[in-house]
């Protein structure tokens, strides 16, 4: 209904009035209708303008989103390219470090040198009686495999180093009395919890991470006054023997593993003990153990420093000491000591381990498998070693 029809309708409903008053009423209604039409027109104009601005804003946001998506793709491509370059650089650094090894951070100790000369003269006619004809040494780390992350930052895991058993023994932490035993590698790898593991509660708690499973027995370190090596039968869960280590005022054997005072190791030759004493606290000592009686058959003072050492193991009668830095970096075998004297330290290969997490708290060499079982900041890792004859290095 148009405005004029509304006016006529109102006039028809009103009582008869003078013509002048009717004219004034008509003019009033026209003004009100004109004002209403003007406001409706303004509302239409504003609505149209707001729609235009909203459409422009939407187009602007879509353009910004497209630009952001393109930048994200560009950044992703740059990150992938940077990762490839970093990987290539790491391989080049590995090659350069192998070809141009850094000099070992060994402090020349005149007193120690004199003592070594005196000891060498004293043992001039004493030679280590080799049990096997093994003459290999490590050339490089051929490959590595990260199994999983289990337990504390420091710990130890291994198999029986003298047998063919597939059982996995896990020592969580540096002070505990319970050993987890998994039936095979598969159960240890697939299950994060310990429900698939048997538990062996030891009669005395261990200290450090220098333990060893060897020929059905567990050799572990107990601290109660002097340090003891406990021989524990894993089959019948009994202590077979124990021996107080004949070293006064022992100190941690590795500068970067302060909880480990004695490291029991195994190789093709049998059982070894790696330790350090207050008398010769700057360097690491080595002893050959009788696995049956725990008697010490022979002892050596090595030139390998304790400082920045994080672990050690023995291969074919040669001690390999692994070093790192206080702020964990690339682990490396930087000092070797051959008890038979057939491998000179300067002829040994400088072996680097791939940089992964932190530093190793446990490294156990398996003579039959020729690989290391390592514990790196809570990660369980296997290093497969490339071997060479000592005369070829």
Protein backbone atom coordinates (compact mmCIF):
# COMPACT_ATOMS: atom_id res chain seq x y z
CA UNK A 1 0.00 0.00 0.00
CA UNK A 2 1.53 3.33 -1.13
CA UNK A 3 1.83 6.44 1.05
CA UNK A 4 -1.03 8.29 -0.71
CA UNK A 5 -3.46 5.44 -0.16
CA UNK A 6 -2.56 5.46 3.54
CA UNK A 7 -3.33 9.16 3.69
CA UNK A 8 -6.69 8.74 1.94
CA UNK A 9 -7.58 5.94 4.33
CA UNK A 10 -6.79 8.11 7.33
CA UNK A 11 -8.79 10.99 5.89
CA UNK A 12 -11.76 8.72 5.39
CA UNK A 13 -11.65 7.61 9.00
CA UNK A 14 -11.35 11.12 10.42
CA UNK A 15 -14.47 13.16 11.04
CA UNK A 16 -15.18 16.03 8.84
CA UNK A 17 -12.86 18.93 9.50
CA UNK A 18 -12.16 22.26 8.04
CA UNK A 19 -10.27 22.19 4.77
CA UNK A 20 -7.30 24.06 6.25
CA UNK A 21 -6.78 21.50 8.95
CA UNK A 22 -6.99 18.69 6.43
CA UNK A 23 -4.33 20.40 4.32
CA UNK A 24 -1.98 20.74 7.33
CA UNK A 25 -2.48 17.09 8.22
CA UNK A 26 -1.64 16.03 4.69
CA UNK A 27 1.55 18.10 4.71
CA UNK A 28 2.53 16.61 8.07
CA UNK A 29 2.04 13.07 6.83
CA UNK A 30 4.01 13.82 3.68
CA UNK A 31 6.95 15.09 5.76
CA UNK A 32 6.88 12.02 7.98
CA UNK A 33 6.69 9.67 5.05
CA UNK A 34 9.51 11.51 3.26
CA UNK A 35 11.68 11.21 6.41
CA UNK A 36 10.88 7.50 6.66
CA UNK A 37 11.74 6.91 3.02
CA UNK A 38 15.01 8.81 3.50
CA UNK A 39 15.95 6.61 6.46
CA UNK A 40 15.08 3.45 4.53
CA UNK A 41 17.25 4.68 1.66
CA UNK A 42 20.14 5.35 4.09
CA UNK A 43 19.73 1.86 5.56
CA UNK A 44 19.88 0.34 2.08
CA UNK A 45 23.02 2.37 1.29
CA UNK A 46 24.73 1.38 4.55
CA UNK A 47 23.77 -2.29 4.13
CA UNK A 48 25.15 -2.28 0.60
CA UNK A 49 28.37 -0.62 1.78
CA UNK A 50 28.78 -3.10 4.66
CA UNK A 51 28.22 -6.03 2.28
CA UNK A 52 30.86 -4.64 -0.05
CA UNK A 53 33.35 -4.13 2.80
CA UNK A 54 32.66 -7.64 4.14
CA UNK A 55 33.22 -9.11 0.68
CA UNK A 56 36.46 -7.14 0.30
CA UNK A 57 37.62 -8.27 3.77
CA UNK A 58 36.82 -11.89 2.96
CA UNK A 59 38.80 -11.66 -0.28
CA UNK A 60 41.67 -10.05 1.63
CA UNK A 61 41.69 -12.82 4.27
CA UNK A 62 41.58 -15.50 1.57
CA UNK A 63 44.54 -13.86 -0.13
CA UNK A 64 46.46 -13.74 3.15
CA UNK A 65 45.69 -17.42 3.82
CA UNK A 66 46.91 -18.37 0.36
CA UNK A 67 50.10 -16.36 0.91
CA UNK A 68 50.61 -17.98 4.35
CA UNK A 69 50.13 -21.45 2.84
CA UNK A 70 52.70 -20.68 0.16
CA UNK A 71 55.14 -19.41 2.81
CA UNK A 72 54.53 -22.55 4.89
CA UNK A 73 55.28 -24.77 1.91
CA UNK A 74 58.39 -22.72 1.17
CA UNK A 75 59.56 -23.02 4.80
CA UNK A 76 58.91 -26.77 4.79
CA UNK A 77 60.92 -27.16 1.60
CA UNK A 78 63.75 -25.07 3.12
CA UNK A 79 63.66 -27.18 6.32
CA UNK A 80 63.87 -30.41 4.31
CA UNK A 81 66.73 -28.98 2.29
CA UNK A 82 68.50 -27.87 5.48
CA UNK A 83 68.07 -31.35 6.99
CA UNK A 84 69.65 -32.90 3.90
CA UNK A 85 72.54 -30.43 4.07
CA UNK A 86 73.03 -31.08 7.82
CA UNK A 87 73.08 -34.83 7.22
CA UNK A 88 75.61 -34.38 4.42
CA UNK A 89 77.69 -32.09 6.64
CA UNK A 90 77.64 -34.62 9.47
CA UNK A 91 78.93 -37.33 7.13
CA UNK A 92 81.67 -34.98 5.92
CA UNK A 93 82.59 -34.14 9.53
CA UNK A 94 82.74 -37.87 10.32
CA UNK A 95 85.09 -38.37 7.39
CA UNK A 96 87.28 -35.38 8.30
CA UNK A 97 87.47 -36.40 11.96
CA UNK A 98 88.49 -39.89 10.94
CA UNK A 99 91.10 -38.63 8.49
CA UNK A 100 92.36 -35.83 10.78
CA UNK A 101 91.74 -36.96 14.36
CA UNK A 102 91.95 -34.42 17.13
CA UNK A 103 94.84 -34.96 19.54
CA UNK A 104 93.76 -36.67 22.74
CA UNK A 105 93.40 -34.40 25.73
CA UNK A 106 96.05 -36.24 27.74
CA UNK A 107 98.01 -34.30 30.31
CA UNK A 108 101.64 -35.35 30.45
CA UNK A 109 102.37 -36.47 33.99
CA UNK A 110 106.11 -36.86 34.59
CA UNK A 111 105.57 -38.81 37.81
CA UNK A 112 103.24 -41.23 36.05
CA UNK A 113 105.70 -41.58 33.17
CA UNK A 114 108.51 -42.46 35.57
CA UNK A 115 106.26 -44.94 37.34
CA UNK A 116 105.31 -46.56 34.03
CA UNK A 117 108.97 -46.88 33.06
CA UNK A 118 109.77 -48.46 36.43
CA UNK A 119 106.82 -50.83 36.12
CA UNK A 120 107.85 -51.76 32.58
CA UNK A 121 111.37 -52.58 33.77
CA UNK A 122 109.99 -54.60 36.67
CA UNK A 123 107.73 -56.59 34.34
CA UNK A 124 110.22 -56.83 31.53
CA UNK A 125 110.15 -60.60 31.51
CA UNK A 126 106.45 -60.84 32.31
CA UNK A 127 104.17 -61.30 29.36
CA UNK A 128 100.46 -61.72 29.24
CA UNK A 129 99.59 -65.33 28.47
CA UNK A 130 96.93 -65.11 25.77
CA UNK A 131 94.12 -67.62 25.96
CA UNK A 132 93.05 -67.31 22.31
CA UNK A 133 94.67 -66.27 19.05
CA UNK A 134 92.35 -63.26 18.73
CA UNK A 135 94.22 -60.33 17.21
CA UNK A 136 91.39 -58.04 16.12
CA UNK A 137 90.73 -54.45 17.03
CA UNK A 138 87.98 -51.99 16.18
CA UNK A 139 88.23 -50.11 12.89
CA UNK A 140 84.91 -48.23 12.93
CA UNK A 141 81.24 -48.31 13.91
CA UNK A 142 79.60 -50.08 10.96
CA UNK A 143 75.98 -49.43 11.93
CA UNK A 144 73.73 -48.60 14.85
CA UNK A 145 70.20 -49.54 15.86
CA UNK A 146 68.09 -47.71 18.43
CA UNK A 147 65.87 -50.30 20.10
CA UNK A 148 63.69 -48.22 22.43
CA UNK A 149 63.68 -45.92 25.44
CA UNK A 150 63.31 -47.65 28.78
CA UNK A 151 63.87 -46.64 32.37
CA UNK A 152 66.22 -44.06 33.84
CA UNK A 153 68.78 -41.87 32.11
CA UNK A 154 71.58 -44.13 33.39
CA UNK A 155 71.52 -47.90 33.29
CA UNK A 156 72.79 -51.05 31.59
CA UNK A 157 71.40 -53.78 29.35
CA UNK A 158 73.04 -56.83 27.79
CA UNK A 159 72.90 -60.51 26.98
CA UNK A 160 75.01 -63.29 28.48
CA UNK A 161 78.41 -62.37 27.03
CA UNK A 162 79.73 -65.93 27.13
CA UNK A 163 76.79 -67.90 25.82
CA UNK A 164 74.17 -68.11 23.10
CA UNK A 165 71.16 -67.29 25.27
CA UNK A 166 68.70 -64.78 23.82
CA UNK A 167 67.67 -63.42 27.22
CA UNK A 168 67.95 -59.68 27.77
CA UNK A 169 69.06 -58.44 31.19
CA UNK A 170 68.17 -54.86 32.15
CA UNK A 171 69.66 -52.93 35.08
CA UNK A 172 67.64 -49.74 35.53
CA UNK A 173 69.46 -46.96 37.37
CA UNK A 174 72.75 -46.77 39.25
CA UNK A 175 71.50 -48.08 42.60
CA UNK A 176 68.90 -50.87 42.69
CA UNK A 177 68.43 -54.52 43.61
CA UNK A 178 66.01 -55.79 40.91
CA UNK A 179 67.08 -57.09 37.49
CA UNK A 180 64.53 -57.34 34.66
CA UNK A 181 64.90 -60.39 32.41
CA UNK A 182 63.16 -60.50 29.01
CA UNK A 183 63.00 -63.89 27.24
CA UNK A 184 64.04 -62.48 23.84
CA UNK A 185 64.85 -59.24 22.11
CA UNK A 186 61.35 -59.15 20.62
CA UNK A 187 59.62 -58.91 24.00
CA UNK A 188 62.03 -56.25 25.17
CA UNK A 189 61.56 -54.16 22.01
CA UNK A 190 57.79 -54.37 21.57
CA UNK A 191 56.56 -53.85 25.12
CA UNK A 192 57.15 -50.59 26.95
CA UNK A 193 56.09 -51.98 30.32
CA UNK A 194 57.87 -54.69 32.30
CA UNK A 195 54.94 -57.11 32.43
CA UNK A 196 56.70 -59.43 29.95
CA UNK A 197 59.84 -59.49 32.09
CA UNK A 198 60.80 -61.76 34.94
CA UNK A 199 62.29 -60.10 38.02
CA UNK A 200 65.36 -61.21 39.91
CA UNK A 201 65.78 -59.61 43.32
CA UNK A 202 69.43 -59.57 44.34
CA UNK A 203 70.57 -60.17 47.93
CA UNK A 204 72.55 -56.90 47.90
CA UNK A 205 71.86 -53.73 45.90
CA UNK A 206 74.26 -52.78 43.14
CA UNK A 207 76.09 -49.50 42.63
CA UNK A 208 77.06 -47.96 39.28
CA UNK A 209 76.63 -49.55 35.87
CA UNK A 210 79.69 -51.82 35.67
CA UNK A 211 77.90 -55.17 35.92
CA UNK A 212 78.25 -58.14 33.60
CA UNK A 213 76.29 -61.30 32.77
CA UNK A 214 78.80 -64.01 31.90
CA UNK A 215 78.37 -67.78 31.55
CA UNK A 216 75.15 -67.97 33.56
CA UNK A 217 76.41 -65.72 36.35
CA UNK A 218 75.94 -62.08 37.21
CA UNK A 219 79.03 -60.19 38.29
CA UNK A 220 78.02 -56.96 39.95
CA UNK A 221 79.49 -54.35 42.29
CA UNK A 222 78.36 -53.93 45.85
CA UNK A 223 79.48 -51.07 48.07
CA UNK A 224 79.58 -51.74 51.79
CA UNK A 225 82.74 -50.11 53.04
CA UNK A 226 85.22 -51.49 50.47
CA UNK A 227 83.88 -52.36 47.03
CA UNK A 228 83.01 -56.00 46.44
CA UNK A 229 82.56 -57.98 43.25
CA UNK A 230 79.61 -60.34 43.80
CA UNK A 231 79.27 -63.50 41.71
CA UNK A 232 75.58 -64.43 41.57
CA UNK A 233 74.20 -67.61 40.00
CA UNK A 234 71.22 -66.64 37.83
CA UNK A 235 69.80 -70.19 37.69
CA UNK A 236 69.45 -70.94 41.41
CA UNK A 237 69.45 -67.28 42.59
CA UNK A 238 72.33 -67.69 45.05
CA UNK A 239 75.62 -65.91 45.73
CA UNK A 240 78.43 -68.18 44.56
CA UNK A 241 81.40 -66.07 45.60
CA UNK A 242 82.49 -62.54 46.41
CA UNK A 243 85.77 -60.71 46.47
CA UNK A 244 86.92 -57.44 47.99
CA UNK A 245 88.73 -55.55 45.27
CA UNK A 246 92.37 -55.06 46.36
CA UNK A 247 92.55 -51.31 45.77
CA UNK A 248 92.71 -48.75 48.53
CA UNK A 249 90.67 -45.56 48.30
CA UNK A 250 89.04 -46.16 44.96
CA UNK A 251 87.75 -43.29 42.84
CA UNK A 252 85.17 -43.35 40.00
CA UNK A 253 86.79 -45.03 37.03
CA UNK A 254 85.14 -42.68 34.49
CA UNK A 255 85.11 -38.92 34.96
CA UNK A 256 81.67 -38.59 33.33
CA UNK A 257 80.11 -41.57 35.19
CA UNK A 258 80.67 -40.74 38.87
CA UNK A 259 78.66 -43.71 40.18
CA UNK A 260 80.80 -46.41 38.50
CA UNK A 261 83.89 -47.46 40.44
CA UNK A 262 84.54 -50.86 38.83
CA UNK A 263 83.58 -51.89 35.30
CA UNK A 264 83.49 -55.67 34.77
CA UNK A 265 84.03 -56.47 31.08
CA UNK A 266 84.33 -59.57 28.91
CA UNK A 267 86.04 -60.30 25.60
CA UNK A 268 87.42 -63.26 23.69
CA UNK A 269 90.06 -63.69 26.42
CA UNK A 270 87.71 -63.87 29.39
CA UNK A 271 86.90 -61.53 32.27
CA UNK A 272 88.40 -58.11 33.04
CA UNK A 273 88.01 -55.38 35.64
CA UNK A 274 88.46 -51.71 34.76
CA UNK A 275 88.98 -49.47 37.78
CA UNK A 276 90.88 -46.50 39.24
CA UNK A 277 92.58 -45.82 42.57
CA UNK A 278 93.44 -42.77 44.64
CA UNK A 279 97.11 -43.59 44.24
CA UNK A 280 96.87 -43.26 40.45
CA UNK A 281 93.66 -41.26 40.17
CA UNK A 282 94.45 -39.55 36.84
CA UNK A 283 94.55 -42.74 34.82
CA UNK A 284 92.55 -45.94 34.39
CA UNK A 285 93.79 -49.33 35.60
CA UNK A 286 93.06 -52.76 34.12
CA UNK A 287 93.05 -56.22 35.72
CA UNK A 288 92.53 -59.74 34.38
CA UNK A 289 90.07 -61.73 36.51
CA UNK A 290 89.58 -65.44 37.00
CA UNK A 291 85.84 -65.90 36.37
CA UNK A 292 85.68 -68.93 38.68
CA UNK A 293 87.49 -67.67 41.77
CA UNK A 294 87.44 -63.89 41.11
CA UNK A 295 91.21 -63.85 41.73
CA UNK A 296 93.21 -61.14 39.98
CA UNK A 297 95.65 -62.78 37.58
CA UNK A 298 97.47 -59.68 36.39
CA UNK A 299 97.21 -55.88 36.68
CA UNK A 300 98.22 -52.96 34.45
CA UNK A 301 98.43 -49.18 34.78
CA UNK A 302 97.21 -47.77 31.48
CA UNK A 303 98.01 -44.37 29.93
CA UNK A 304 94.28 -43.65 29.44
CA UNK A 305 93.06 -40.68 31.51
CA UNK A 306 89.91 -40.76 33.62
CA UNK A 307 89.01 -37.17 32.75
CA UNK A 308 86.13 -36.93 30.24
CA UNK A 309 85.91 -40.75 30.04
CA UNK A 310 82.33 -42.07 29.93
CA UNK A 311 82.88 -45.81 29.45
CA UNK A 312 85.24 -48.56 28.35
CA UNK A 313 85.29 -52.11 27.02
CA UNK A 314 87.85 -54.75 26.06
CA UNK A 315 88.26 -56.40 22.64
CA UNK A 316 90.84 -59.15 22.11
CA UNK A 317 92.86 -58.06 25.13
CA UNK A 318 92.84 -54.39 24.16
CA UNK A 319 91.19 -51.80 26.38
CA UNK A 320 89.14 -49.18 24.49
CA UNK A 321 88.20 -46.07 26.49
CA UNK A 322 85.30 -43.91 25.25
CA UNK A 323 85.45 -40.15 25.82
CA UNK A 324 82.93 -37.31 25.63
CA UNK A 325 82.61 -33.79 27.04
CA UNK A 326 80.83 -32.29 30.05
CA UNK A 327 78.21 -30.94 27.66
CA UNK A 328 77.46 -34.20 25.78
CA UNK A 329 78.90 -34.26 22.27
CA UNK A 330 80.26 -37.00 19.99
CA UNK A 331 81.46 -40.08 21.86
CA UNK A 332 84.76 -41.46 20.59
CA UNK A 333 87.33 -44.13 21.39
CA UNK A 334 90.35 -41.93 21.99
CA UNK A 335 92.64 -44.15 24.02
CA UNK A 336 93.54 -47.84 23.64
CA UNK A 337 95.82 -50.09 25.67
CA UNK A 338 96.88 -53.51 24.40
CA UNK A 339 98.03 -55.83 27.19
CA UNK A 340 100.03 -57.96 24.76
CA UNK A 341 101.91 -54.95 23.40
CA UNK A 342 101.20 -55.77 19.75
CA UNK A 343 99.16 -52.62 19.09
CA UNK A 344 100.71 -49.21 19.62
CA UNK A 345 98.39 -46.43 20.73
CA UNK A 346 99.37 -44.23 17.79
CA UNK A 347 98.47 -47.03 15.34
CA UNK A 348 94.93 -47.53 16.65
CA UNK A 349 91.98 -46.12 14.74
CA UNK A 350 90.13 -43.17 16.30
CA UNK A 351 86.55 -44.47 16.40
CA UNK A 352 83.58 -42.06 16.53
CA UNK A 353 80.06 -43.01 17.56
CA UNK A 354 77.07 -41.32 15.88
CA UNK A 355 75.79 -38.29 17.82
CA UNK A 356 72.37 -39.06 19.24
CA UNK A 357 71.20 -38.11 22.73
CA UNK A 358 73.69 -37.59 25.52
CA UNK A 359 76.52 -39.74 26.82
CA UNK A 360 76.77 -43.48 27.45
CA UNK A 361 76.34 -44.80 30.99
CA UNK A 362 76.79 -48.43 29.96
CA UNK A 363 78.65 -50.10 27.07
CA UNK A 364 79.04 -53.87 26.91
CA UNK A 365 80.94 -55.70 24.16
CA UNK A 366 79.57 -59.07 23.03
CA UNK A 367 82.54 -61.15 21.75
CA UNK A 368 80.48 -63.56 19.68
CA UNK A 369 78.22 -60.97 18.05
CA UNK A 370 80.99 -58.34 17.67
CA UNK A 371 78.67 -55.55 18.76
CA UNK A 372 78.14 -53.18 21.69
CA UNK A 373 75.05 -52.97 23.87
CA UNK A 374 74.88 -49.32 24.94
CA UNK A 375 72.64 -47.23 27.21
CA UNK A 376 72.52 -43.59 26.06
CA UNK A 377 70.41 -41.21 28.17
CA UNK A 378 67.67 -43.82 28.63
CA UNK A 379 67.85 -45.15 25.03
CA UNK A 380 68.98 -48.72 24.40
CA UNK A 381 71.27 -48.89 21.36
CA UNK A 382 73.21 -51.59 19.52
CA UNK A 383 76.45 -50.65 17.75
CA UNK A 384 77.78 -53.14 15.21
CA UNK A 385 81.56 -52.88 14.93
CA UNK A 386 83.84 -53.15 11.92
CA UNK A 387 86.96 -55.11 12.92
CA UNK A 388 90.53 -55.24 11.58
CA UNK A 389 93.64 -57.15 12.45
CA UNK A 390 95.99 -55.26 14.74
CA UNK A 391 98.77 -55.50 12.21
CA UNK A 392 96.51 -53.89 9.55
CA UNK A 393 95.47 -50.86 11.51
